[in-house]
């Protein structure tokens, strides 16, 4: 009898809490805005086959919105690939600290608090890569969705491997060698998005861990020329429509997973890839980068390779291809990847070069 009364008391208290929460929600007049609402801004390789549940695999895909109210609720669906993978997302309201959150189920609701009634700027970014599975954005609960601020006119796209994905960079919560291999991913704070934000530009990360130009690591059966034109680059699925995002600058950071190859074969393949990129980006400046985590031997070889590729492309009449060599090796993160502080350093180097190249102040 005592247990029955105790359980009844707990039930009554829980119902009271739910009623209080519902009452609070009704007082704030929160509304649900579906993902197909025209006031949401999307950037990256997004599949809009179902406009109410846009799906994306790539790291660094981001969504922006402006809202009124002292908080909002973000709805995200996680593929939960293999029944166990959970993506990380990075979210920020205004200039508050970025929250990097590991999703916990297929359907996720994340509350984001704001200071004051607004208007507030919200950004939602996928911080893990395609190999961890897709995300779907379902929509936003808030008092009012507002006209978004204009997006930057400048656009940059970053092709690369795990470094560009932000793999192994964030050890703020889980140390290297602990948890799952993607627990240290942080695409939002990787050098590409950081560079773009330094230059007031949009960004898109077209990158896959382990991928190479002609040789990928880890028994992968794809290389970048196979998948650069796909929505899901890791699984080589679904065609990407390049007209949806025409960057002013395209950077390519490949070679770390290739290692030292036959120079003629590697350079020929690289020239072919640059020429293929040019067919999709007729007006972009293309910048070939050394690997930020390359050791002394690989970096020396890549400098020679990239110089040869640039000169060869120039000789074919395309003078809008450039090289940039990082000044050092960045490998303080997991498995010799750059950590978050080093991604800031990489971005500082690259943004200075791009600013001078493009005349961006």
Protein backbone atom coordinates (compact mmCIF):
# COMPACT_ATOMS: atom_id res chain seq x y z
CA UNK A 1 0.00 0.00 0.00
CA UNK A 2 2.79 2.37 0.85
CA UNK A 3 4.51 1.69 -2.47
CA UNK A 4 1.25 2.34 -4.31
CA UNK A 5 0.80 5.70 -2.58
CA UNK A 6 4.41 6.64 -3.31
CA UNK A 7 4.06 5.76 -7.02
CA UNK A 8 0.81 7.73 -7.19
CA UNK A 9 2.51 10.75 -5.67
CA UNK A 10 5.34 10.57 -8.20
CA UNK A 11 2.82 10.33 -11.05
CA UNK A 12 0.90 13.37 -9.79
CA UNK A 13 4.11 15.39 -9.50
CA UNK A 14 5.18 14.43 -13.03
CA UNK A 15 1.80 15.43 -14.46
CA UNK A 16 2.01 18.73 -12.64
CA UNK A 17 5.44 19.35 -14.15
CA UNK A 18 4.19 18.56 -17.66
CA UNK A 19 1.18 20.84 -17.17
CA UNK A 20 3.45 23.61 -15.95
CA UNK A 21 5.71 23.21 -18.98
CA UNK A 22 2.76 23.24 -21.39
CA UNK A 23 1.40 26.29 -19.69
CA UNK A 24 4.71 28.06 -20.02
CA UNK A 25 4.91 27.16 -23.71
CA UNK A 26 1.39 28.42 -24.37
CA UNK A 27 2.19 31.72 -22.65
CA UNK A 28 5.20 32.29 -24.89
CA UNK A 29 3.12 31.39 -28.01
CA UNK A 30 5.86 29.28 -29.52
CA UNK A 31 5.24 28.23 -33.12
CA UNK A 32 6.77 25.49 -35.24
CA UNK A 33 8.46 26.54 -38.48
CA UNK A 34 9.08 23.64 -40.83
CA UNK A 35 12.44 23.24 -42.57
CA UNK A 36 10.91 24.25 -45.91
CA UNK A 37 10.14 27.75 -44.60
CA UNK A 38 11.71 30.34 -46.94
CA UNK A 39 13.34 32.26 -44.08
CA UNK A 40 15.85 29.46 -43.38
CA UNK A 41 19.25 29.82 -45.05
CA UNK A 42 21.14 26.67 -46.10
CA UNK A 43 24.75 26.41 -47.19
CA UNK A 44 26.48 23.21 -48.30
CA UNK A 45 25.64 20.00 -50.11
CA UNK A 46 22.01 19.53 -49.06
CA UNK A 47 19.49 17.13 -50.57
CA UNK A 48 16.11 18.87 -50.85
CA UNK A 49 14.26 15.89 -52.33
CA UNK A 50 12.00 16.15 -49.30
CA UNK A 51 11.92 19.91 -48.63
CA UNK A 52 10.35 19.38 -45.21
CA UNK A 53 13.29 17.18 -44.17
CA UNK A 54 16.37 18.38 -46.05
CA UNK A 55 19.15 15.82 -45.68
CA UNK A 56 22.90 16.36 -45.60
CA UNK A 57 25.99 14.23 -45.09
CA UNK A 58 28.96 16.56 -45.51
CA UNK A 59 30.84 18.15 -42.62
CA UNK A 60 30.35 21.85 -42.20
CA UNK A 61 26.88 22.07 -43.77
CA UNK A 62 25.14 24.87 -41.92
CA UNK A 63 21.72 26.44 -41.50
CA UNK A 64 21.04 29.99 -40.34
CA UNK A 65 17.95 31.68 -38.99
CA UNK A 66 16.87 34.77 -37.07
CA UNK A 67 14.20 34.52 -34.39
CA UNK A 68 12.45 36.41 -31.62
CA UNK A 69 12.12 35.17 -28.06
CA UNK A 70 14.43 34.18 -25.25
CA UNK A 71 14.93 30.63 -26.58
CA UNK A 72 14.19 28.25 -29.41
CA UNK A 73 13.97 24.50 -29.97
CA UNK A 74 15.90 22.89 -32.84
CA UNK A 75 14.63 19.62 -34.30
CA UNK A 76 17.19 17.34 -35.97
CA UNK A 77 16.95 13.74 -37.16
CA UNK A 78 20.07 11.59 -37.00
CA UNK A 79 20.53 8.59 -39.29
CA UNK A 80 22.23 6.64 -36.47
CA UNK A 81 24.30 4.81 -39.07
CA UNK A 82 24.99 1.15 -38.23
CA UNK A 83 22.64 1.58 -35.29
CA UNK A 84 25.36 3.17 -33.18
CA UNK A 85 26.84 6.28 -34.84
CA UNK A 86 25.68 9.61 -33.47
CA UNK A 87 26.53 12.86 -35.21
CA UNK A 88 27.82 15.97 -33.50
CA UNK A 89 26.36 19.39 -34.22
CA UNK A 90 27.66 22.82 -33.34
CA UNK A 91 25.09 25.49 -32.50
CA UNK A 92 25.44 29.15 -31.64
CA UNK A 93 23.04 31.95 -30.74
CA UNK A 94 24.39 35.43 -31.44
CA UNK A 95 27.91 35.71 -30.02
CA UNK A 96 27.41 33.26 -27.19
CA UNK A 97 29.88 30.37 -26.85
CA UNK A 98 29.40 27.64 -29.46
CA UNK A 99 27.72 24.50 -28.11
CA UNK A 100 29.06 21.26 -29.62
CA UNK A 101 26.52 18.54 -28.89
CA UNK A 102 26.49 14.80 -29.55
CA UNK A 103 23.04 13.68 -30.64
CA UNK A 104 21.53 10.83 -28.68
CA UNK A 105 18.75 9.35 -30.83
CA UNK A 106 17.05 9.38 -34.19
CA UNK A 107 14.87 12.36 -33.26
CA UNK A 108 16.50 15.15 -31.29
CA UNK A 109 15.18 18.40 -29.84
CA UNK A 110 17.79 20.88 -28.64
CA UNK A 111 16.92 23.96 -26.63
CA UNK A 112 19.01 27.04 -27.34
CA UNK A 113 18.72 29.90 -24.87
CA UNK A 114 19.16 33.52 -25.86
CA UNK A 115 19.73 36.73 -23.94
CA UNK A 116 16.71 39.01 -24.20
CA UNK A 117 13.81 38.86 -26.63
CA UNK A 118 15.88 39.38 -29.74
CA UNK A 119 16.17 39.45 -32.62
CA UNK A 120 18.68 36.61 -32.39
CA UNK A 121 20.88 34.87 -34.93
CA UNK A 122 21.05 31.07 -34.85
CA UNK A 123 23.54 28.85 -36.67
CA UNK A 124 23.36 25.04 -36.82
CA UNK A 125 26.37 23.21 -38.26
CA UNK A 126 27.08 19.52 -38.85
CA UNK A 127 30.42 18.90 -37.15
CA UNK A 128 30.90 15.28 -38.18
CA UNK A 129 31.45 13.94 -41.67
CA UNK A 130 29.58 11.76 -44.15
CA UNK A 131 30.97 8.51 -42.76
CA UNK A 132 29.04 9.11 -39.51
CA UNK A 133 25.71 9.32 -41.34
CA UNK A 134 23.27 11.95 -42.50
CA UNK A 135 21.29 14.57 -40.62
CA UNK A 136 17.86 15.93 -41.42
CA UNK A 137 16.69 19.34 -40.28
CA UNK A 138 13.01 19.18 -39.31
CA UNK A 139 12.48 22.77 -38.21
CA UNK A 140 12.51 25.30 -35.42
CA UNK A 141 10.18 26.15 -32.54
CA UNK A 142 10.27 29.84 -31.62
CA UNK A 143 8.01 32.81 -31.03
CA UNK A 144 8.66 34.29 -34.46
CA UNK A 145 10.94 33.55 -37.40
CA UNK A 146 12.41 36.75 -38.84
CA UNK A 147 13.78 37.86 -42.17
CA UNK A 148 17.39 36.61 -42.22
CA UNK A 149 20.39 38.87 -42.52
CA UNK A 150 21.97 38.90 -45.98
CA UNK A 151 24.53 36.14 -46.44
CA UNK A 152 28.09 37.19 -47.34
CA UNK A 153 28.66 37.63 -51.05
CA UNK A 154 32.07 35.96 -50.86
CA UNK A 155 32.14 32.17 -51.21
CA UNK A 156 34.89 29.61 -50.59
CA UNK A 157 34.89 25.85 -51.09
CA UNK A 158 37.46 23.62 -49.40
CA UNK A 159 38.32 20.22 -50.89
CA UNK A 160 40.34 17.92 -48.69
CA UNK A 161 40.67 14.96 -46.38
CA UNK A 162 40.34 14.44 -42.62
CA UNK A 163 42.19 17.65 -41.84
CA UNK A 164 39.59 19.66 -43.73
CA UNK A 165 36.84 17.66 -41.96
CA UNK A 166 38.20 18.75 -38.57
CA UNK A 167 38.95 15.16 -37.56
CA UNK A 168 40.88 14.63 -34.33
CA UNK A 169 40.86 18.32 -33.48
CA UNK A 170 38.57 18.68 -30.46
CA UNK A 171 39.78 16.99 -27.30
CA UNK A 172 37.94 19.36 -24.98
CA UNK A 173 35.63 16.59 -23.72
CA UNK A 174 36.98 13.21 -24.87
CA UNK A 175 40.71 12.55 -25.05
CA UNK A 176 42.48 11.01 -28.02
CA UNK A 177 42.13 7.25 -28.05
CA UNK A 178 38.94 7.30 -26.02
CA UNK A 179 35.33 7.04 -27.16
CA UNK A 180 34.52 6.65 -30.85
CA UNK A 181 36.83 7.80 -33.64
CA UNK A 182 34.53 10.72 -34.47
CA UNK A 183 34.19 12.02 -30.90
CA UNK A 184 36.97 14.52 -31.60
CA UNK A 185 35.48 15.84 -34.88
CA UNK A 186 34.72 19.55 -35.03
CA UNK A 187 34.07 20.74 -38.57
CA UNK A 188 32.68 24.10 -37.44
CA UNK A 189 36.03 25.02 -35.89
CA UNK A 190 38.19 23.49 -38.61
CA UNK A 191 40.40 25.74 -40.71
CA UNK A 192 37.91 26.12 -43.59
CA UNK A 193 34.97 27.65 -41.72
CA UNK A 194 37.36 29.64 -39.52
CA UNK A 195 39.09 31.03 -42.62
CA UNK A 196 35.73 31.89 -44.16
CA UNK A 197 34.53 33.68 -41.05
CA UNK A 198 37.79 35.63 -40.90
CA UNK A 199 37.13 36.77 -44.47
CA UNK A 200 33.36 37.31 -44.09
CA UNK A 201 32.63 34.55 -46.59
CA UNK A 202 30.32 31.57 -46.94
CA UNK A 203 31.97 28.16 -46.79
CA UNK A 204 31.47 24.64 -48.06
CA UNK A 205 33.56 21.64 -47.00
CA UNK A 206 33.89 18.95 -49.68
CA UNK A 207 36.04 16.55 -47.73
CA UNK A 208 36.31 12.92 -46.64
CA UNK A 209 38.66 11.43 -44.06
CA UNK A 210 41.30 9.19 -45.58
CA UNK A 211 40.73 10.29 -49.16
CA UNK A 212 43.48 10.96 -51.64
CA UNK A 213 43.92 12.12 -55.20
CA UNK A 214 45.04 8.74 -56.55
CA UNK A 215 45.46 6.66 -53.40
CA UNK A 216 43.25 6.69 -50.31
CA UNK A 217 44.07 5.15 -46.97
CA UNK A 218 42.28 2.58 -44.87
CA UNK A 219 41.18 0.28 -47.72
CA UNK A 220 38.87 2.95 -49.14
CA UNK A 221 37.77 2.21 -52.70
CA UNK A 222 37.22 5.86 -53.67
CA UNK A 223 39.50 8.79 -54.48
CA UNK A 224 38.56 12.45 -54.73
CA UNK A 225 38.06 12.54 -58.53
CA UNK A 226 35.45 9.77 -58.06
CA UNK A 227 33.29 11.56 -55.52
CA UNK A 228 33.89 15.32 -55.72
CA UNK A 229 30.59 15.70 -57.60
CA UNK A 230 28.38 13.80 -55.15
CA UNK A 231 26.02 14.81 -52.33
CA UNK A 232 27.23 11.92 -50.19
CA UNK A 233 30.92 11.84 -51.02
CA UNK A 234 31.76 8.97 -48.68
CA UNK A 235 29.37 6.53 -50.34
CA UNK A 236 29.67 8.02 -53.85
CA UNK A 237 25.91 8.63 -54.05
CA UNK A 238 23.60 11.23 -55.59
CA UNK A 239 24.76 13.93 -57.98
CA UNK A 240 25.60 17.38 -56.66
CA UNK A 241 24.41 20.35 -58.72
CA UNK A 242 27.37 22.72 -58.94
CA UNK A 243 25.29 25.68 -60.05
CA UNK A 244 23.83 25.88 -56.55
CA UNK A 245 27.14 27.09 -55.12
CA UNK A 246 29.67 28.90 -57.28
CA UNK A 247 32.65 29.83 -55.10
CA UNK A 248 35.04 32.72 -55.69
CA UNK A 249 37.87 30.54 -54.36
CA UNK A 250 38.37 26.77 -54.36
CA UNK A 251 41.16 25.33 -52.21
CA UNK A 252 42.44 21.77 -52.64
CA UNK A 253 44.37 20.08 -49.81
CA UNK A 254 45.17 16.55 -51.00
CA UNK A 255 48.28 14.40 -50.87
CA UNK A 256 48.54 13.42 -47.20
CA UNK A 257 46.91 10.05 -47.84
CA UNK A 258 48.57 9.59 -51.22
CA UNK A 259 52.02 9.83 -49.72
CA UNK A 260 55.00 9.96 -52.04
CA UNK A 261 53.90 8.71 -55.45
CA UNK A 262 55.44 8.52 -58.88
CA UNK A 263 55.76 12.21 -59.72
CA UNK A 264 54.62 11.91 -63.33
CA UNK A 265 51.54 9.89 -62.44
CA UNK A 266 50.59 12.09 -59.48
CA UNK A 267 51.08 15.39 -61.31
CA UNK A 268 49.22 14.15 -64.39
CA UNK A 269 46.29 13.06 -62.25
CA UNK A 270 46.32 16.38 -60.39
CA UNK A 271 46.33 18.39 -63.62
CA UNK A 272 43.35 16.36 -64.83
CA UNK A 273 41.50 17.03 -61.59
CA UNK A 274 42.17 20.78 -61.74
CA UNK A 275 40.93 20.88 -65.32
CA UNK A 276 37.80 18.99 -64.29
CA UNK A 277 37.20 21.46 -61.45
CA UNK A 278 37.58 24.29 -63.92
CA UNK A 279 34.67 22.96 -66.00
CA UNK A 280 32.44 23.37 -62.94
CA UNK A 281 33.99 26.59 -61.61
CA UNK A 282 34.79 28.70 -64.69
CA UNK A 283 35.45 31.91 -62.74
CA UNK A 284 36.99 30.70 -59.48
CA UNK A 285 40.54 31.10 -58.29
CA UNK A 286 41.86 27.61 -57.51
CA UNK A 287 44.50 27.29 -54.79
CA UNK A 288 46.54 24.11 -54.31
CA UNK A 289 47.64 23.60 -50.70
CA UNK A 290 50.31 21.50 -49.07
CA UNK A 291 49.13 19.23 -46.26
CA UNK A 292 49.06 21.08 -42.91
CA UNK A 293 50.08 17.88 -41.09
CA UNK A 294 52.65 16.68 -43.61
CA UNK A 295 56.10 15.77 -42.32
CA UNK A 296 59.24 17.36 -43.71
CA UNK A 297 59.76 14.72 -46.42
CA UNK A 298 56.18 14.73 -47.71
CA UNK A 299 55.93 18.52 -47.60
CA UNK A 300 59.07 18.93 -49.71
CA UNK A 301 57.70 16.50 -52.29
CA UNK A 302 54.26 18.12 -52.35
CA UNK A 303 55.81 21.54 -52.93
CA UNK A 304 57.52 20.17 -56.03
CA UNK A 305 54.38 18.37 -57.19
CA UNK A 306 52.12 21.39 -56.74
CA UNK A 307 54.55 23.77 -58.41
CA UNK A 308 54.72 21.45 -61.40
CA UNK A 309 50.92 21.17 -61.54
CA UNK A 310 50.45 24.93 -61.36
CA UNK A 311 53.02 25.55 -64.09
CA UNK A 312 51.48 22.89 -66.29
CA UNK A 313 48.00 24.37 -65.94
CA UNK A 314 49.34 27.87 -66.61
CA UNK A 315 51.01 26.59 -69.76
CA UNK A 316 47.59 25.34 -70.87
CA UNK A 317 46.21 28.87 -70.57
CA UNK A 318 44.65 28.86 -67.07
CA UNK A 319 46.45 31.47 -64.98
CA UNK A 320 43.88 31.44 -62.16
CA UNK A 321 45.50 28.47 -60.42
CA UNK A 322 47.84 29.14 -57.50
CA UNK A 323 49.86 27.35 -54.84
CA UNK A 324 50.10 28.01 -51.13
CA UNK A 325 52.57 26.26 -48.82
CA UNK A 326 51.91 26.20 -45.09
CA UNK A 327 54.82 27.41 -42.98
CA UNK A 328 54.97 24.50 -40.55
CA UNK A 329 53.56 21.18 -39.45
CA UNK A 330 50.36 21.10 -37.41
CA UNK A 331 49.91 17.80 -35.59
CA UNK A 332 48.99 18.37 -31.93
CA UNK A 333 45.59 16.68 -32.21
CA UNK A 334 44.60 13.03 -32.36
CA UNK A 335 46.55 10.76 -34.75
CA UNK A 336 48.85 13.66 -35.67
CA UNK A 337 46.00 15.87 -36.89
CA UNK A 338 45.87 19.58 -36.05
CA UNK A 339 44.08 20.48 -32.83
CA UNK A 340 41.63 23.36 -32.51
CA UNK A 341 44.33 25.92 -31.69
CA UNK A 342 46.32 24.84 -34.73
CA UNK A 343 43.26 25.06 -36.99
CA UNK A 344 43.14 28.71 -35.93
CA UNK A 345 46.79 29.10 -36.93
CA UNK A 346 46.20 27.36 -40.27
CA UNK A 347 43.22 29.65 -40.92
CA UNK A 348 45.26 32.74 -40.05
CA UNK A 349 47.92 31.76 -42.62
CA UNK A 350 45.44 30.87 -45.31
CA UNK A 351 43.14 33.84 -44.79
CA UNK A 352 46.05 36.26 -45.15
CA UNK A 353 47.02 34.65 -48.45
CA UNK A 354 43.44 34.60 -49.77
CA UNK A 355 42.84 38.19 -48.67
CA UNK A 356 45.84 39.32 -50.71
CA UNK A 357 44.96 37.10 -53.65
CA UNK A 358 41.35 38.29 -53.86
CA UNK A 359 41.82 41.84 -52.66
CA UNK A 360 39.46 41.14 -49.77
CA UNK A 361 39.82 43.54 -46.88
